[in-house]
């Protein structure tokens, strides 16, 4: 159950939100990087993003760790902490999409310990099982107890949630693309036009070239984008189009460096 109380210490075994994320295709990228300098550069950028995208937020007990292609994010059980995890998953996934890396994961609430040295707990184990056995598509699937917390908060967090069938709710990591053309273009607004073109190119390439058993992830993403983002007055739908070329514009990546103190 969500409360608004703040627990100062996170170096103890207690109830926490836990997100376990996996970078899809990471092993293939590592293998390709051994003989392809372009892929080696892409691998370095991806690893830099894992280190630089997120930061700790002590006020909400927010902490993250990564090893190889796995990322674990945990936080206190509080509305602000839950929103911080959703935002962090969206930001990290959005950054990695600019390098043609898809993310899959599971998110739970339960017992966990997370320090700089160790991460363990029943909630960690369940989140890992969700990623491996239940998520299937490139999404971060919510356990029932997490979705119940979202519903209990009313309209506040529902924009962060999308549906992938009966009782399958996941973090809406394309939300910024979905609302992009509904917002006024004010000075300083970050443009997502080139980023969207690059995503369309990468997914189209996957649809055309990925082997059976792998292509289904690109097909799922295509359907997700076309359902939530594509619209006549916004970004176009993603298609398997061999005429597409990778855009030359810069990649937009979001780096969270603000560390909020407790209090």
Protein backbone atom coordinates (compact mmCIF):
# COMPACT_ATOMS: atom_id res chain seq x y z
CA UNK A 1 0.00 0.00 0.00
CA UNK A 2 1.30 3.46 -0.93
CA UNK A 3 1.81 6.02 1.82
CA UNK A 4 3.30 9.49 1.73
CA UNK A 5 5.77 8.77 4.50
CA UNK A 6 9.46 9.10 3.71
CA UNK A 7 11.87 6.50 5.02
CA UNK A 8 15.29 8.09 5.40
CA UNK A 9 17.46 4.99 5.21
CA UNK A 10 17.59 2.74 2.18
CA UNK A 11 20.38 0.48 3.42
CA UNK A 12 17.96 -2.01 4.94
CA UNK A 13 15.75 -4.82 3.75
CA UNK A 14 12.28 -3.35 3.34
CA UNK A 15 9.40 -2.96 0.93
CA UNK A 16 10.55 -1.21 -2.22
CA UNK A 17 9.57 -0.75 -5.83
CA UNK A 18 11.92 -2.74 -8.07
CA UNK A 19 12.40 -2.52 -11.84
CA UNK A 20 14.60 -5.13 -13.52
CA UNK A 21 15.58 -4.18 -17.09
CA UNK A 22 17.41 -6.09 -19.82
CA UNK A 23 18.94 -4.69 -23.01
CA UNK A 24 17.69 -6.84 -25.87
CA UNK A 25 20.32 -7.88 -28.39
CA UNK A 26 23.21 -6.81 -26.17
CA UNK A 27 25.16 -10.04 -26.63
CA UNK A 28 24.91 -9.72 -30.41
CA UNK A 29 26.11 -6.12 -30.16
CA UNK A 30 29.13 -7.18 -28.09
CA UNK A 31 30.02 -9.86 -30.65
CA UNK A 32 29.64 -7.44 -33.56
CA UNK A 33 31.78 -4.85 -31.77
CA UNK A 34 34.79 -7.18 -31.91
CA UNK A 35 35.10 -6.84 -35.67
CA UNK A 36 33.10 -3.71 -36.57
CA UNK A 37 34.38 -0.32 -35.41
CA UNK A 38 30.98 1.32 -35.90
CA UNK A 39 29.36 -1.28 -33.67
CA UNK A 40 32.19 -0.85 -31.18
CA UNK A 41 31.43 2.87 -31.03
CA UNK A 42 27.72 2.16 -30.60
CA UNK A 43 28.49 -0.24 -27.75
CA UNK A 44 30.56 2.43 -25.98
CA UNK A 45 27.77 5.00 -26.35
CA UNK A 46 25.24 2.53 -24.95
CA UNK A 47 27.43 1.79 -21.92
CA UNK A 48 27.97 5.51 -21.36
CA UNK A 49 24.20 6.04 -21.40
CA UNK A 50 23.76 3.37 -18.73
CA UNK A 51 26.21 5.25 -16.52
CA UNK A 52 25.07 8.79 -17.27
CA UNK A 53 21.30 8.79 -17.84
CA UNK A 54 20.11 8.29 -14.26
CA UNK A 55 21.16 9.57 -10.85
CA UNK A 56 20.26 8.70 -7.29
CA UNK A 57 17.45 10.57 -5.51
CA UNK A 58 17.99 10.02 -1.77
CA UNK A 59 14.72 11.74 -0.84
CA UNK A 60 12.76 8.88 -2.42
CA UNK A 61 15.32 6.15 -1.79
CA UNK A 62 15.89 5.96 -5.54
CA UNK A 63 18.95 3.95 -6.53
CA UNK A 64 20.09 2.10 -9.63
CA UNK A 65 22.78 -0.44 -10.49
CA UNK A 66 23.81 -2.06 -13.74
CA UNK A 67 26.02 -4.96 -14.73
CA UNK A 68 26.52 -6.11 -18.31
CA UNK A 69 23.11 -5.79 -19.99
CA UNK A 70 20.99 -5.70 -16.82
CA UNK A 71 19.77 -2.65 -14.90
CA UNK A 72 18.09 -2.70 -11.48
CA UNK A 73 16.22 0.36 -10.21
CA UNK A 74 14.67 0.51 -6.74
CA UNK A 75 12.94 3.14 -4.63
CA UNK A 76 10.87 3.68 -1.53
CA UNK A 77 7.15 2.97 -1.72
CA UNK A 78 5.71 6.45 -2.17
CA UNK A 79 3.79 8.21 -4.98
CA UNK A 80 6.71 10.47 -5.86
CA UNK A 81 9.10 7.52 -5.93
CA UNK A 82 6.81 5.54 -8.23
CA UNK A 83 6.57 8.46 -10.63
CA UNK A 84 10.36 8.84 -10.52
CA UNK A 85 10.82 5.20 -11.56
CA UNK A 86 8.33 5.56 -14.42
CA UNK A 87 10.09 8.71 -15.59
CA UNK A 88 13.49 7.03 -15.31
CA UNK A 89 12.40 3.98 -17.30
CA UNK A 90 10.99 6.29 -19.99
CA UNK A 91 14.14 8.41 -20.14
CA UNK A 92 16.55 5.48 -20.28
CA UNK A 93 14.48 3.63 -22.88
CA UNK A 94 14.09 6.79 -24.96
CA UNK A 95 17.85 7.37 -24.92
CA UNK A 96 18.65 3.79 -25.89
CA UNK A 97 16.18 3.86 -28.78
CA UNK A 98 18.44 6.44 -30.41
CA UNK A 99 21.08 3.69 -30.64
CA UNK A 100 18.69 0.95 -31.82
CA UNK A 101 18.59 -0.77 -28.43
CA UNK A 102 15.27 -2.11 -27.11
CA UNK A 103 14.55 -2.64 -23.41
CA UNK A 104 12.49 -5.33 -21.72
CA UNK A 105 11.74 -5.62 -18.02
CA UNK A 106 9.47 -6.26 -15.07
CA UNK A 107 8.47 -4.08 -12.14
CA UNK A 108 7.32 -5.27 -8.72
CA UNK A 109 6.76 -4.12 -5.14
CA UNK A 110 8.10 -6.14 -2.23
CA UNK A 111 11.07 -6.93 -0.05
CA UNK A 112 14.43 -5.72 -1.32
CA UNK A 113 17.85 -4.51 -0.21
CA UNK A 114 19.83 -2.15 -2.43
CA UNK A 115 23.18 -0.69 -1.47
CA UNK A 116 26.24 0.22 -3.51
CA UNK A 117 27.56 -3.31 -3.00
CA UNK A 118 24.48 -5.57 -3.06
CA UNK A 119 21.02 -5.88 -4.56
CA UNK A 120 18.75 -8.73 -3.51
CA UNK A 121 15.27 -9.61 -2.32
CA UNK A 122 12.06 -11.37 -3.26
CA UNK A 123 10.90 -8.34 -5.26
CA UNK A 124 14.18 -8.38 -7.23
CA UNK A 125 13.78 -12.08 -8.01
CA UNK A 126 10.16 -11.64 -9.11
CA UNK A 127 11.04 -8.67 -11.33
CA UNK A 128 13.79 -10.72 -12.99
CA UNK A 129 11.36 -13.59 -13.62
CA UNK A 130 8.83 -11.17 -15.09
CA UNK A 131 11.47 -9.84 -17.50
CA UNK A 132 12.58 -13.29 -18.60
CA UNK A 133 9.30 -15.22 -18.69
CA UNK A 134 6.37 -12.79 -18.87
CA UNK A 135 7.28 -9.51 -20.56
CA UNK A 136 8.11 -11.13 -23.95
CA UNK A 137 7.90 -7.86 -25.93
CA UNK A 138 10.17 -4.80 -25.53
CA UNK A 139 8.23 -3.36 -22.59
CA UNK A 140 8.53 -2.99 -18.82
CA UNK A 141 5.63 -5.01 -17.45
CA UNK A 142 3.99 -4.00 -14.17
CA UNK A 143 3.16 -6.57 -11.50
CA UNK A 144 -0.49 -6.41 -10.32
CA UNK A 145 0.44 -4.73 -7.05
CA UNK A 146 2.23 -1.91 -8.86
CA UNK A 147 -0.70 -1.30 -11.20
CA UNK A 148 -3.06 -1.31 -8.20
CA UNK A 149 -0.94 1.46 -6.66
CA UNK A 150 -1.24 3.44 -9.90
CA UNK A 151 -5.02 3.07 -9.90
CA UNK A 152 -5.21 4.07 -6.23
CA UNK A 153 -3.52 7.38 -7.09
CA UNK A 154 -6.19 8.26 -9.64
CA UNK A 155 -5.33 10.32 -12.71
CA UNK A 156 -1.88 11.34 -11.48
CA UNK A 157 0.11 8.41 -12.90
CA UNK A 158 -2.26 6.89 -15.47
CA UNK A 159 -0.62 8.79 -18.40
CA UNK A 160 2.50 6.71 -17.73
CA UNK A 161 0.65 3.43 -18.35
CA UNK A 162 -0.24 1.56 -21.54
CA UNK A 163 -2.05 -1.75 -22.01
CA UNK A 164 -0.78 -4.86 -23.81
CA UNK A 165 -3.78 -7.13 -23.44
CA UNK A 166 -5.82 -8.34 -20.46
CA UNK A 167 -4.09 -7.64 -17.14
CA UNK A 168 -0.88 -6.59 -18.92
CA UNK A 169 0.08 -3.00 -18.08
CA UNK A 170 3.44 -1.48 -18.91
CA UNK A 171 5.35 1.80 -18.68
CA UNK A 172 4.38 4.02 -21.62
CA UNK A 173 7.91 4.88 -22.74
CA UNK A 174 6.72 6.56 -25.96
CA UNK A 175 4.60 9.06 -24.05
CA UNK A 176 6.74 12.07 -25.04
CA UNK A 177 6.38 11.18 -28.73
CA UNK A 178 2.63 10.59 -28.24
CA UNK A 179 2.01 14.08 -26.82
CA UNK A 180 4.68 15.92 -28.85
CA UNK A 181 2.39 17.44 -31.49
CA UNK A 182 -0.28 18.27 -28.92
CA UNK A 183 2.04 20.74 -27.18
CA UNK A 184 2.86 24.31 -28.15
CA UNK A 185 6.31 24.73 -29.73
CA UNK A 186 7.75 27.19 -27.23
CA UNK A 187 11.31 28.56 -27.39
CA UNK A 188 13.70 25.97 -25.98
CA UNK A 189 11.40 23.03 -26.69
CA UNK A 190 13.42 19.93 -27.55
CA UNK A 191 12.69 18.77 -31.10
CA UNK A 192 11.90 15.08 -31.50
CA UNK A 193 11.46 15.10 -35.27
CA UNK A 194 14.88 13.67 -36.17
CA UNK A 195 14.71 11.26 -33.24
CA UNK A 196 11.39 9.93 -34.53
CA UNK A 197 12.83 9.54 -38.03
CA UNK A 198 15.76 7.59 -36.63
CA UNK A 199 13.49 5.26 -34.65
CA UNK A 200 11.37 4.66 -37.76
CA UNK A 201 14.51 3.81 -39.75
CA UNK A 202 15.82 1.38 -37.12
CA UNK A 203 12.49 -0.41 -36.68
CA UNK A 204 11.92 -0.57 -40.44
CA UNK A 205 15.36 -2.13 -40.85
CA UNK A 206 14.52 -4.70 -38.19
CA UNK A 207 11.21 -5.52 -39.88
CA UNK A 208 13.00 -6.10 -43.16
CA UNK A 209 16.10 -7.92 -41.94
CA UNK A 210 15.58 -9.58 -38.56
CA UNK A 211 15.18 -13.37 -38.63
CA UNK A 212 12.05 -15.18 -37.50
CA UNK A 213 11.84 -15.30 -33.73
CA UNK A 214 13.50 -11.89 -33.45
CA UNK A 215 11.36 -9.91 -35.86
CA UNK A 216 8.33 -10.25 -33.58
CA UNK A 217 9.85 -7.69 -31.20
CA UNK A 218 10.07 -5.14 -34.01
CA UNK A 219 6.52 -5.99 -35.06
CA UNK A 220 5.28 -5.43 -31.51
CA UNK A 221 7.08 -2.06 -31.35
CA UNK A 222 5.65 -1.09 -34.74
CA UNK A 223 2.11 -1.80 -33.50
CA UNK A 224 2.77 0.10 -30.24
CA UNK A 225 4.09 3.16 -32.11
CA UNK A 226 1.32 3.13 -34.71
CA UNK A 227 -1.34 2.80 -32.01
CA UNK A 228 -0.08 5.45 -29.57
CA UNK A 229 2.12 7.87 -31.56
CA UNK A 230 1.22 7.89 -35.26
CA UNK A 231 -1.47 10.35 -36.33
CA UNK A 232 -2.27 12.48 -39.40
CA UNK A 233 -1.22 15.69 -37.64
CA UNK A 234 1.83 14.14 -35.96
CA UNK A 235 4.45 11.50 -36.60
CA UNK A 236 3.78 9.03 -39.42
CA UNK A 237 3.26 5.30 -38.84
CA UNK A 238 6.24 2.98 -38.97
CA UNK A 239 6.35 0.70 -42.02
CA UNK A 240 8.80 -1.83 -43.43
CA UNK A 241 10.17 0.61 -46.00
CA UNK A 242 13.48 -0.27 -47.74
CA UNK A 243 13.79 3.28 -49.09
CA UNK A 244 14.34 4.80 -45.64
CA UNK A 245 17.82 6.09 -44.75
CA UNK A 246 19.26 6.93 -41.36
CA UNK A 247 18.91 10.67 -40.64
CA UNK A 248 22.06 12.74 -40.14
CA UNK A 249 20.74 14.96 -37.34
CA UNK A 250 21.97 14.79 -33.74
CA UNK A 251 20.58 12.31 -31.24
CA UNK A 252 18.62 13.77 -28.36
CA UNK A 253 19.57 12.15 -25.04
CA UNK A 254 18.35 13.21 -21.60
CA UNK A 255 20.80 13.08 -18.70
CA UNK A 256 19.45 13.29 -15.14
CA UNK A 257 22.14 14.72 -12.89
CA UNK A 258 20.05 16.39 -10.21
CA UNK A 259 20.49 14.73 -6.83
CA UNK A 260 17.67 15.71 -4.47
CA UNK A 261 18.56 15.71 -0.78
CA UNK A 262 16.23 14.35 1.83
CA UNK A 263 13.88 16.50 3.85
